[in-house]
Each structure stands twice: as structure tokens, then as C-alpha cells.
Amino acid sequence: MATLKRGSRGAEVKTLQTRLNLMADGIFGPLTEEAVKEFQKRKGLTADGVVGAKTWTALGVTRSVRRVDQIILHCTATPEGEDYTVEQIRQMHLSRGFSDVGYHFIIGRDGKVHAGRPEAIAGAHCTGHNTRSIGVSLVGGCPARTVKDWNKKSKDTRTAAQRAALEKLVKELLGRYPGATVHGHNEFANKACPSFNVKEWLTQVGIKQ
């Protein structure tokens, strides 16, 4: 099971809420956090409201293992200079028939890394590779809305904060999934996503594969 905390959403949050006898709406809000802290206190655990391996074990939930050997990078294909929240992206994906946001991580223009779909659950971001990969997406990837046909063009819109956050996150994921390789979505689909050359970027940040 993935590590959950306030702001997490999805099926694993529902599992958590069911174990805590809460309304299982799949949204880790303040009431769920309060219930987690109370449970952790009763079990002699650190009452931080974060549901990690020890808390899952105390809840009697076995950690699921998903074989991950690819980390696939994306962009949200949104206009340069515009911020999009995880919830906005989730709604975009729901409108396309997905059960949740398709990416596991989304990096905002400010460099903040937001959790999307739990890592233990296959994503919906790259056809033919979802069950074996982690999907990471950066907000942006298209020219500004003032550019004619902006949504039909690609542009490397990564901010300095996004570049730093992406490097840190990918290195953390490679540590978590030894032997995994890093790819751009465009290696598996006929599209420009993630709007930058991933192989060149890997060389620039010293990631060998």
C-alpha cells in the first residue's frame, strides 16, 4: 500500500477509511487525519497522521507489491505560465473516462510535487506500459494561450523550480525501484509529450541507465 496523508485520494484512502470505520469517500481530509492520529496513539505509533508501512500493518492491511521497471515523464499539455491543480487535472482525466487522475505525481510550476494516483495502483498515462510504470507529469508543455493554435504545439516550459524538483523526484524513484529506466512519453506514443528530450536531460543531471 502507498503512503497516504492529508490530501491523498483514491481507492487506498477508501480502504483506510473503511478500516477506521469512517465514511469511505476516498478523500483524505481533516477528519480522516484526526482518526489516523487517534489510531496511531492507541497503537503506540508516532501520531503524525501519515499512513506508512507501520500504520498499514497495525490496521491489518498487507502491503501490495507492484513490479515497476519504468518511470515515464509527461507534461499536462497546458499553456505556458498557467497553473493547474491536481484536482483540475483529475477532472480532465475523469471526463475522458478514467477512474482517477492518471499520473502518480504532478509537479507544479512552483516546483511542488503533488501526489496523484497511489504508486501501488497502475496508472493511466501510457498505453501498454501502465501496469509496470510510474507516471510523472509537469504542468505546462505548450506555448502561451496567446500563441495561435497553442494546443497543437509543444514547448519546453519547465521552470527552474520544476527542473530541480523533477531531478530530485526521479532520483528518489530510482532508489525506490532499482533497475527502473526513465523515458519520455514520446518514446511510446506519437506525440511530443513531455515537450523536452528526456535522454539529453538524463545526461545533464547525471542519471545513467
Protein backbone atom coordinates (compact mmCIF):
# COMPACT_ATOMS: atom_id res chain seq x y z
CA MET A 1 0.00 0.00 0.00
CA ALA A 2 1.15 3.53 -0.71
CA THR A 3 1.99 6.08 1.97
CA LEU A 4 -1.07 8.28 2.50
CA LYS A 5 -1.50 11.65 4.11
CA ARG A 6 -3.85 14.62 4.13
CA GLY A 7 -4.67 15.47 0.51
CA SER A 8 -4.37 11.90 -0.78
CA ARG A 9 -7.28 10.48 -2.77
CA GLY A 10 -8.38 7.24 -4.31
CA ALA A 11 -9.10 3.58 -3.62
CA GLU A 12 -6.43 3.16 -0.95
CA VAL A 13 -7.87 6.07 1.01
CA LYS A 14 -11.24 4.30 0.89
CA THR A 15 -9.58 1.15 2.27
CA LEU A 16 -8.07 3.21 5.07
CA GLN A 17 -11.36 4.90 5.89
CA THR A 18 -13.20 1.56 5.95
CA ARG A 19 -10.66 0.18 8.43
CA LEU A 20 -11.17 3.25 10.62
CA ASN A 21 -14.98 2.97 10.38
CA LEU A 22 -15.27 6.27 8.56
CA MET A 23 -17.39 7.24 5.57
CA ALA A 24 -15.32 5.91 2.68
CA ASP A 25 -15.36 8.83 0.24
CA GLY A 26 -11.74 8.34 -0.87
CA ILE A 27 -10.67 11.82 0.24
CA PHE A 28 -8.04 12.11 3.00
CA GLY A 29 -9.32 15.21 4.73
CA PRO A 30 -9.07 16.58 8.30
CA LEU A 31 -11.48 14.02 9.79
CA THR A 32 -9.54 11.12 8.31
CA GLU A 33 -6.30 12.66 9.56
CA GLU A 34 -7.75 13.02 13.05
CA ALA A 35 -8.91 9.38 13.03
CA VAL A 36 -5.47 8.21 11.86
CA LYS A 37 -3.73 10.12 14.66
CA GLU A 38 -6.10 8.67 17.26
CA PHE A 39 -5.48 5.15 15.93
CA GLN A 40 -1.71 5.70 15.92
CA LYS A 41 -1.81 6.87 19.56
CA ARG A 42 -3.75 3.78 20.57
CA LYS A 43 -1.20 1.55 18.84
CA GLY A 44 1.84 3.34 20.30
CA LEU A 45 2.91 4.68 16.91
CA THR A 46 4.11 8.18 16.04
CA ALA A 47 0.86 10.15 15.81
CA ASP A 48 1.74 12.17 12.72
CA GLY A 49 -1.37 11.40 10.67
CA VAL A 50 0.74 9.83 7.91
CA VAL A 51 -0.20 6.27 6.96
CA GLY A 52 3.02 4.42 6.20
CA ALA A 53 4.07 0.78 6.44
CA LYS A 54 3.78 0.55 10.26
CA THR A 55 0.31 2.07 10.33
CA TRP A 56 -0.90 -0.16 7.49
CA THR A 57 0.43 -3.20 9.35
CA ALA A 58 -1.30 -2.11 12.53
CA LEU A 59 -4.51 -1.77 10.52
CA GLY A 60 -4.07 -5.35 9.31
CA VAL A 61 -3.58 -4.39 5.67
CA THR A 62 -0.91 -6.26 3.72
CA ARG A 63 1.31 -4.09 1.56
CA SER A 64 0.74 -4.80 -2.11
CA VAL A 65 3.72 -5.04 -4.41
CA ARG A 66 3.61 -3.81 -7.99
CA ARG A 67 6.57 -4.52 -10.24
CA VAL A 68 7.77 -1.18 -11.56
CA ASP A 69 10.60 -1.01 -14.09
CA GLN A 70 9.80 2.22 -15.95
CA ILE A 71 9.41 5.84 -14.92
CA ILE A 72 7.62 7.74 -17.68
CA LEU A 73 7.73 11.53 -17.88
CA HIS A 74 4.86 13.63 -19.20
CA CYS A 75 3.60 17.19 -19.47
CA THR A 76 0.00 18.21 -18.86
CA ALA A 77 -0.17 19.89 -22.32
CA THR A 78 -1.40 23.12 -20.74
CA PRO A 79 -0.45 26.71 -21.69
CA GLU A 80 2.85 28.20 -20.56
CA GLY A 81 2.53 30.38 -17.48
CA GLU A 82 -0.75 28.89 -16.27
CA ASP A 83 -1.07 26.90 -13.06
CA TYR A 84 -3.22 23.78 -12.91
CA THR A 85 -4.09 21.94 -9.72
CA VAL A 86 -4.19 18.17 -9.27
CA GLU A 87 -7.96 18.45 -8.95
CA GLN A 88 -8.26 20.26 -12.29
CA ILE A 89 -6.13 17.59 -13.95
CA ARG A 90 -8.15 14.87 -12.21
CA GLN A 91 -11.35 16.34 -13.64
CA MET A 92 -9.78 16.40 -17.12
CA HIS A 93 -8.98 12.71 -16.78
CA LEU A 94 -12.38 11.82 -15.32
CA SER A 95 -14.01 13.48 -18.34
CA ARG A 96 -12.02 11.08 -20.51
CA GLY A 97 -13.37 8.07 -18.66
CA PHE A 98 -10.51 7.49 -16.20
CA SER A 99 -11.33 6.39 -12.64
CA ASP A 100 -8.90 8.93 -11.15
CA VAL A 101 -6.04 11.19 -12.17
CA GLY A 102 -3.81 9.11 -14.43
CA TYR A 103 -0.41 10.27 -13.14
CA HIS A 104 1.22 9.20 -9.89
CA PHE A 105 2.97 12.55 -9.42
CA ILE A 106 2.37 16.06 -10.76
CA ILE A 107 4.97 18.82 -10.50
CA GLY A 108 3.55 22.33 -10.39
CA ARG A 109 5.22 25.38 -11.89
CA ASP A 110 6.39 26.32 -8.39
CA GLY A 111 8.26 23.01 -8.08
CA LYS A 112 5.88 21.45 -5.57
CA VAL A 113 5.41 17.72 -6.09
CA HIS A 114 1.81 16.62 -5.69
CA ALA A 115 0.66 13.04 -5.21
CA GLY A 116 -1.79 11.78 -7.80
CA ARG A 117 -2.75 8.12 -8.12
CA PRO A 118 -1.20 5.90 -5.40
CA GLU A 119 2.01 4.21 -6.54
CA ALA A 120 0.64 0.78 -5.67
CA ILE A 121 -2.09 1.22 -8.30
CA ALA A 122 -1.36 1.08 -12.04
CA GLY A 123 -1.61 4.48 -13.68
CA ALA A 124 -3.48 5.61 -16.79
CA HIS A 125 -0.84 7.62 -18.60
CA CYS A 126 0.88 5.44 -21.23
CA THR A 127 -0.95 2.72 -23.16
CA GLY A 128 0.78 -0.63 -22.91
CA HIS A 129 3.03 0.46 -20.04
CA ASN A 130 0.66 1.43 -17.23
CA THR A 131 0.94 -1.71 -15.11
CA ARG A 132 4.74 -1.57 -14.99
CA SER A 133 5.42 2.16 -14.64
CA ILE A 134 5.20 5.30 -12.55
CA GLY A 135 3.83 8.35 -14.36
CA VAL A 136 5.26 11.78 -13.55
CA SER A 137 3.84 14.90 -15.21
CA LEU A 138 4.97 18.52 -15.25
CA VAL A 139 2.39 21.30 -15.53
CA GLY A 140 2.89 23.02 -18.90
CA GLY A 141 4.29 21.76 -22.18
CA CYS A 142 2.55 24.10 -24.62
CA PRO A 143 3.15 27.73 -25.68
CA ALA A 144 1.19 30.54 -24.04
CA ARG A 145 -2.51 30.77 -24.80
CA THR A 146 -1.82 33.93 -26.84
CA VAL A 147 0.06 31.87 -29.45
CA LYS A 148 -2.14 30.80 -32.36
CA ASP A 149 -3.07 27.10 -32.12
CA TRP A 150 -1.14 26.83 -28.85
CA ASN A 151 -2.80 23.50 -28.07
CA LYS A 152 -1.36 21.97 -31.22
CA LYS A 153 2.22 22.97 -30.41
CA SER A 154 4.75 21.83 -27.85
CA LYS A 155 7.25 23.86 -25.85
CA ASP A 156 9.67 23.11 -23.05
CA THR A 157 8.09 25.31 -20.39
CA ARG A 158 9.86 23.85 -17.35
CA THR A 159 10.64 26.43 -14.69
CA ALA A 160 13.86 26.28 -12.69
CA ALA A 161 11.84 25.00 -9.74
CA GLN A 162 10.29 22.25 -11.85
CA ARG A 163 13.69 21.18 -13.17
CA ALA A 164 15.08 20.86 -9.65
CA ALA A 165 12.01 19.04 -8.37
CA LEU A 166 11.98 16.62 -11.31
CA GLU A 167 15.61 15.68 -10.81
CA LYS A 168 15.08 15.08 -7.09
CA LEU A 169 11.89 13.07 -7.60
CA VAL A 170 13.28 10.86 -10.38
CA LYS A 171 16.38 10.06 -8.33
CA GLU A 172 14.17 9.17 -5.36
CA LEU A 173 12.03 6.91 -7.54
CA LEU A 174 15.09 5.19 -8.99
CA GLY A 175 16.20 4.48 -5.44
CA ARG A 176 12.78 3.05 -4.66
CA TYR A 177 12.61 0.97 -7.83
CA PRO A 178 16.14 -0.34 -8.52
CA GLY A 179 16.75 -1.17 -12.15
CA ALA A 180 13.94 1.02 -13.46
CA THR A 181 14.59 3.09 -16.59
CA VAL A 182 13.40 6.63 -17.33
CA HIS A 183 11.54 7.55 -20.52
CA GLY A 184 9.61 10.33 -22.18
CA HIS A 185 6.03 9.56 -23.18
CA ASN A 186 7.02 10.28 -26.77
CA GLU A 187 9.13 7.12 -26.80
CA PHE A 188 5.94 5.08 -26.68
CA ALA A 189 3.39 7.30 -28.42
CA ASN A 190 3.26 9.55 -31.47
CA LYS A 191 3.22 12.83 -29.55
CA ALA A 192 5.63 15.49 -28.29
CA CYS A 193 4.95 14.82 -24.59
CA PRO A 194 6.80 15.69 -22.32
CA SER A 195 7.97 18.50 -24.66
CA PHE A 196 11.68 18.04 -23.88
CA ASN A 197 14.36 15.48 -24.74
CA VAL A 198 14.45 13.09 -21.81
CA LYS A 199 17.62 11.28 -22.92
CA GLU A 200 19.52 14.57 -23.09
CA TRP A 201 18.10 15.59 -19.71
CA LEU A 202 19.24 12.33 -18.12
CA THR A 203 22.78 13.01 -19.29
CA GLN A 204 22.63 16.60 -18.00
CA VAL A 205 21.61 15.52 -14.49
CA GLY A 206 23.98 12.56 -14.35
CA ILE A 207 21.45 9.73 -14.40
CA LYS A 208 22.84 6.66 -16.15
CA GLN A 209 20.71 3.81 -17.43
